[in-house]
Amino acid sequence: MGLQSSTDGWVKLQHLRTNLFIASWTLILLAAGISVGISGSGGLAVAAPLGIVGSIMLVWAISMKEEPQGLTEEEITNWAPEADPLPPGAGGSVMYRVDTTLDEPIRTSILCGSCGHVEWVEGKKPVAYTCIGCDLQLWEEEE
């Protein structure tokens, strides 16, 4: 939870609402403990600011929108890449995109950048592939 570094150098906050709830309740309980444990004005002088800040953080956390949830199993199963042509690669070469599922059943989608045709094959990436849509050989790996 909390801070996570990203590839572009910026730091992103994840689970901010949950972290605010935890921090606010921790401050409120700490303030209550200090006010009961330390008698006199010294305990109150420490506990009051902690309790106020904790209460403000709790109201802030309650007022925030719900954090987005992950995808459901059905959404993961039905995912497919967009069938749009890709821009030409370096030197005018044809781009293609290959996505393979990590969980069973293992399936691979192949997007031809020339015509935008998407084809699904069972199993991992094939050794060679020729697009059915434009009859263009996208790759052939040496064995």
C-alpha atoms as a PDB file:
ATOM      1  CA  MET A   1       0.000   0.000   0.000  1.00  0.00           C
ATOM      2  CA  GLY A   2       1.022   3.608  -0.232  1.00  0.00           C
ATOM      3  CA  LEU A   3       3.689   4.932  -2.519  1.00  0.00           C
ATOM      4  CA  GLN A   4       4.806   3.011  -5.542  1.00  0.00           C
ATOM      5  CA  SER A   5       7.462   4.141  -7.989  1.00  0.00           C
ATOM      6  CA  SER A   6       6.620   4.216 -11.651  1.00  0.00           C
ATOM      7  CA  THR A   7       8.736   4.033 -14.782  1.00  0.00           C
ATOM      8  CA  ASP A   8       8.378   7.730 -15.613  1.00  0.00           C
ATOM      9  CA  GLY A   9       9.905   8.872 -12.314  1.00  0.00           C
ATOM     10  CA  TRP A  10       6.659  10.116 -10.753  1.00  0.00           C
ATOM     11  CA  VAL A  11       5.317   8.569  -7.597  1.00  0.00           C
ATOM     12  CA  LYS A  12       1.709   7.385  -7.609  1.00  0.00           C
ATOM     13  CA  LEU A  13      -0.480   6.943  -4.555  1.00  0.00           C
ATOM     14  CA  GLN A  14      -2.437   3.726  -4.429  1.00  0.00           C
ATOM     15  CA  HIS A  15      -5.227   2.940  -1.995  1.00  0.00           C
ATOM     16  CA  LEU A  16      -5.291   6.516  -0.685  1.00  0.00           C
ATOM     17  CA  ARG A  17      -8.792   6.170   0.783  1.00  0.00           C
ATOM     18  CA  THR A  18      -7.885   3.004   2.694  1.00  0.00           C
ATOM     19  CA  ASN A  19      -4.646   4.555   3.965  1.00  0.00           C
ATOM     20  CA  LEU A  20      -6.523   7.642   5.142  1.00  0.00           C
ATOM     21  CA  PHE A  21      -8.985   5.486   7.089  1.00  0.00           C
ATOM     22  CA  ILE A  22      -6.172   3.578   8.781  1.00  0.00           C
ATOM     23  CA  ALA A  23      -4.158   6.718   9.592  1.00  0.00           C
ATOM     24  CA  SER A  24      -7.171   8.665  10.869  1.00  0.00           C
ATOM     25  CA  TRP A  25      -8.335   5.908  13.217  1.00  0.00           C
ATOM     26  CA  THR A  26      -4.770   5.431  14.427  1.00  0.00           C
ATOM     27  CA  LEU A  27      -4.504   9.127  15.279  1.00  0.00           C
ATOM     28  CA  ILE A  28      -7.903   9.165  16.991  1.00  0.00           C
ATOM     29  CA  LEU A  29      -7.081   6.117  19.108  1.00  0.00           C
ATOM     30  CA  LEU A  30      -3.619   7.473  19.926  1.00  0.00           C
ATOM     31  CA  ALA A  31      -5.172  10.779  21.027  1.00  0.00           C
ATOM     32  CA  ALA A  32      -7.681   8.943  23.223  1.00  0.00           C
ATOM     33  CA  GLY A  33      -4.905   6.870  24.789  1.00  0.00           C
ATOM     34  CA  ILE A  34      -2.729   9.902  25.481  1.00  0.00           C
ATOM     35  CA  SER A  35      -5.608  11.900  26.989  1.00  0.00           C
ATOM     36  CA  VAL A  36      -6.423   9.009  29.360  1.00  0.00           C
ATOM     37  CA  GLY A  37      -2.829   7.985  30.075  1.00  0.00           C
ATOM     38  CA  ILE A  38      -1.251  11.381  30.724  1.00  0.00           C
ATOM     39  CA  SER A  39      -3.124  13.438  33.273  1.00  0.00           C
ATOM     40  CA  GLY A  40      -3.293  17.194  33.286  1.00  0.00           C
ATOM     41  CA  SER A  41      -2.995  19.819  30.621  1.00  0.00           C
ATOM     42  CA  GLY A  42       0.165  18.263  29.112  1.00  0.00           C
ATOM     43  CA  GLY A  43      -1.720  15.185  27.924  1.00  0.00           C
ATOM     44  CA  LEU A  44      -4.552  17.296  26.581  1.00  0.00           C
ATOM     45  CA  ALA A  45      -2.105  19.600  24.765  1.00  0.00           C
ATOM     46  CA  VAL A  46      -0.747  16.578  22.843  1.00  0.00           C
ATOM     47  CA  ALA A  47      -3.997  14.626  22.454  1.00  0.00           C
ATOM     48  CA  ALA A  48      -6.206  17.470  21.198  1.00  0.00           C
ATOM     49  CA  PRO A  49      -4.238  18.243  17.980  1.00  0.00           C
ATOM     50  CA  LEU A  50      -3.854  14.522  17.228  1.00  0.00           C
ATOM     51  CA  GLY A  51      -7.589  13.969  17.673  1.00  0.00           C
ATOM     52  CA  ILE A  52      -8.493  16.969  15.538  1.00  0.00           C
ATOM     53  CA  VAL A  53      -6.167  15.956  12.698  1.00  0.00           C
ATOM     54  CA  GLY A  54      -7.442  12.367  12.912  1.00  0.00           C
ATOM     55  CA  SER A  55     -11.046  13.552  12.725  1.00  0.00           C
ATOM     56  CA  ILE A  56     -10.317  15.770   9.714  1.00  0.00           C
ATOM     57  CA  MET A  57      -8.585  12.866   7.951  1.00  0.00           C
ATOM     58  CA  LEU A  58     -11.566  10.598   8.719  1.00  0.00           C
ATOM     59  CA  VAL A  59     -14.030  13.090   7.206  1.00  0.00           C
ATOM     60  CA  TRP A  60     -11.738  13.441   4.168  1.00  0.00           C
ATOM     61  CA  ALA A  61     -11.576   9.655   3.703  1.00  0.00           C
ATOM     62  CA  ILE A  62     -15.359   9.315   4.000  1.00  0.00           C
ATOM     63  CA  SER A  63     -15.912  12.066   1.413  1.00  0.00           C
ATOM     64  CA  MET A  64     -13.601  10.470  -1.188  1.00  0.00           C
ATOM     65  CA  LYS A  65     -14.957   8.427  -4.097  1.00  0.00           C
ATOM     66  CA  GLU A  66     -14.700   4.659  -3.989  1.00  0.00           C
ATOM     67  CA  GLU A  67     -11.433   3.287  -5.330  1.00  0.00           C
ATOM     68  CA  PRO A  68     -11.779   1.503  -8.667  1.00  0.00           C
ATOM     69  CA  GLN A  69     -12.115  -2.247  -8.385  1.00  0.00           C
ATOM     70  CA  GLY A  70     -10.206  -4.781 -10.472  1.00  0.00           C
ATOM     71  CA  LEU A  71     -11.672  -6.661 -13.387  1.00  0.00           C
ATOM     72  CA  THR A  72     -14.064  -9.542 -12.844  1.00  0.00           C
ATOM     73  CA  GLU A  73     -13.283 -13.065 -14.059  1.00  0.00           C
ATOM     74  CA  GLU A  74     -15.811 -12.611 -16.883  1.00  0.00           C
ATOM     75  CA  GLU A  75     -14.230  -9.330 -18.023  1.00  0.00           C
ATOM     76  CA  ILE A  76     -10.791 -10.946 -18.013  1.00  0.00           C
ATOM     77  CA  THR A  77     -12.075 -13.931 -20.004  1.00  0.00           C
ATOM     78  CA  ASN A  78     -13.824 -11.739 -22.600  1.00  0.00           C
ATOM     79  CA  TRP A  79     -10.938  -9.280 -23.085  1.00  0.00           C
ATOM     80  CA  ALA A  80      -9.701  -8.755 -26.645  1.00  0.00           C
ATOM     81  CA  PRO A  81      -7.324  -6.173 -28.161  1.00  0.00           C
ATOM     82  CA  GLU A  82      -8.842  -3.415 -30.263  1.00  0.00           C
ATOM     83  CA  ALA A  83      -8.878  -4.366 -33.929  1.00  0.00           C
ATOM     84  CA  ASP A  84      -7.237  -1.193 -35.276  1.00  0.00           C
ATOM     85  CA  PRO A  85      -4.291  -0.967 -37.660  1.00  0.00           C
ATOM     86  CA  LEU A  86      -1.006   0.065 -36.031  1.00  0.00           C
ATOM     87  CA  PRO A  87       1.322   2.780 -37.341  1.00  0.00           C
ATOM     88  CA  PRO A  88       4.282   1.607 -39.447  1.00  0.00           C
ATOM     89  CA  GLY A  89       7.422   0.651 -37.557  1.00  0.00           C
ATOM     90  CA  ALA A  90      11.009   1.701 -38.134  1.00  0.00           C
ATOM     91  CA  GLY A  91      11.944   1.693 -41.789  1.00  0.00           C
ATOM     92  CA  GLY A  92       8.303   1.107 -42.807  1.00  0.00           C
ATOM     93  CA  SER A  93       8.149  -2.363 -41.236  1.00  0.00           C
ATOM     94  CA  VAL A  94       4.780  -3.816 -40.270  1.00  0.00           C
ATOM     95  CA  MET A  95       3.987  -3.737 -36.566  1.00  0.00           C
ATOM     96  CA  TYR A  96       2.078  -6.495 -34.809  1.00  0.00           C
ATOM     97  CA  ARG A  97       0.930  -7.191 -31.286  1.00  0.00           C
ATOM     98  CA  VAL A  98       0.932 -10.539 -29.496  1.00  0.00           C
ATOM     99  CA  ASP A  99      -0.842 -11.033 -26.134  1.00  0.00           C
ATOM    100  CA  THR A 100      -0.786 -14.380 -24.297  1.00  0.00           C
ATOM    101  CA  THR A 101      -2.909 -15.198 -21.255  1.00  0.00           C
ATOM    102  CA  LEU A 102      -1.072 -16.282 -18.131  1.00  0.00           C
ATOM    103  CA  ASP A 103      -3.864 -18.389 -16.655  1.00  0.00           C
ATOM    104  CA  GLU A 104      -5.585 -21.447 -18.066  1.00  0.00           C
ATOM    105  CA  PRO A 105      -6.774 -21.737 -20.739  1.00  0.00           C
ATOM    106  CA  ILE A 106      -3.621 -20.391 -22.411  1.00  0.00           C
ATOM    107  CA  ARG A 107      -4.655 -18.409 -25.490  1.00  0.00           C
ATOM    108  CA  THR A 108      -2.763 -15.953 -27.683  1.00  0.00           C
ATOM    109  CA  SER A 109      -4.198 -13.022 -29.618  1.00  0.00           C
ATOM    110  CA  ILE A 110      -2.346 -11.704 -32.653  1.00  0.00           C
ATOM    111  CA  LEU A 111      -3.119  -8.233 -34.009  1.00  0.00           C
ATOM    112  CA  CYS A 112      -1.835  -7.445 -37.495  1.00  0.00           C
ATOM    113  CA  GLY A 113      -0.798  -3.800 -37.662  1.00  0.00           C
ATOM    114  CA  SER A 114      -1.215  -3.675 -41.430  1.00  0.00           C
ATOM    115  CA  CYS A 115      -4.916  -4.543 -41.677  1.00  0.00           C
ATOM    116  CA  GLY A 116      -6.076  -4.579 -38.037  1.00  0.00           C
ATOM    117  CA  HIS A 117      -7.146  -8.246 -38.114  1.00  0.00           C
ATOM    118  CA  VAL A 118      -7.196  -9.999 -34.714  1.00  0.00           C
ATOM    119  CA  GLU A 119      -6.842 -13.775 -34.538  1.00  0.00           C
ATOM    120  CA  TRP A 120      -6.880 -16.032 -31.482  1.00  0.00           C
ATOM    121  CA  VAL A 121      -4.776 -19.199 -31.344  1.00  0.00           C
ATOM    122  CA  GLU A 122      -4.777 -21.829 -28.626  1.00  0.00           C
ATOM    123  CA  GLY A 123      -1.565 -22.059 -26.613  1.00  0.00           C
ATOM    124  CA  LYS A 124       1.493 -19.832 -26.685  1.00  0.00           C
ATOM    125  CA  LYS A 125       2.841 -17.660 -29.511  1.00  0.00           C
ATOM    126  CA  PRO A 126       3.365 -19.737 -32.658  1.00  0.00           C
ATOM    127  CA  VAL A 127       6.822 -20.050 -34.237  1.00  0.00           C
ATOM    128  CA  ALA A 128       5.602 -18.410 -37.452  1.00  0.00           C
ATOM    129  CA  TYR A 129       2.482 -16.488 -38.375  1.00  0.00           C
ATOM    130  CA  THR A 130       0.952 -15.196 -41.603  1.00  0.00           C
ATOM    131  CA  CYS A 131      -2.032 -12.849 -41.299  1.00  0.00           C
ATOM    132  CA  ILE A 132      -5.262 -14.291 -42.642  1.00  0.00           C
ATOM    133  CA  GLY A 133      -6.656 -10.804 -43.336  1.00  0.00           C
ATOM    134  CA  CYS A 134      -3.901  -9.475 -45.634  1.00  0.00           C
ATOM    135  CA  ASP A 135      -1.776 -12.595 -46.297  1.00  0.00           C
ATOM    136  CA  LEU A 136       1.333 -10.876 -44.878  1.00  0.00           C
ATOM    137  CA  GLN A 137       3.933 -12.881 -42.966  1.00  0.00           C
ATOM    138  CA  LEU A 138       4.403 -11.107 -39.638  1.00  0.00           C
ATOM    139  CA  TRP A 139       7.215 -13.253 -38.234  1.00  0.00           C
ATOM    140  CA  GLU A 140       9.101 -16.501 -38.596  1.00  0.00           C
ATOM    141  CA  GLU A 141      11.429 -17.505 -35.795  1.00  0.00           C
ATOM    142  CA  GLU A 142      14.464 -19.671 -36.407  1.00  0.00           C
ATOM    143  CA  GLU A 143      14.474 -22.936 -34.481  1.00  0.00           C
END
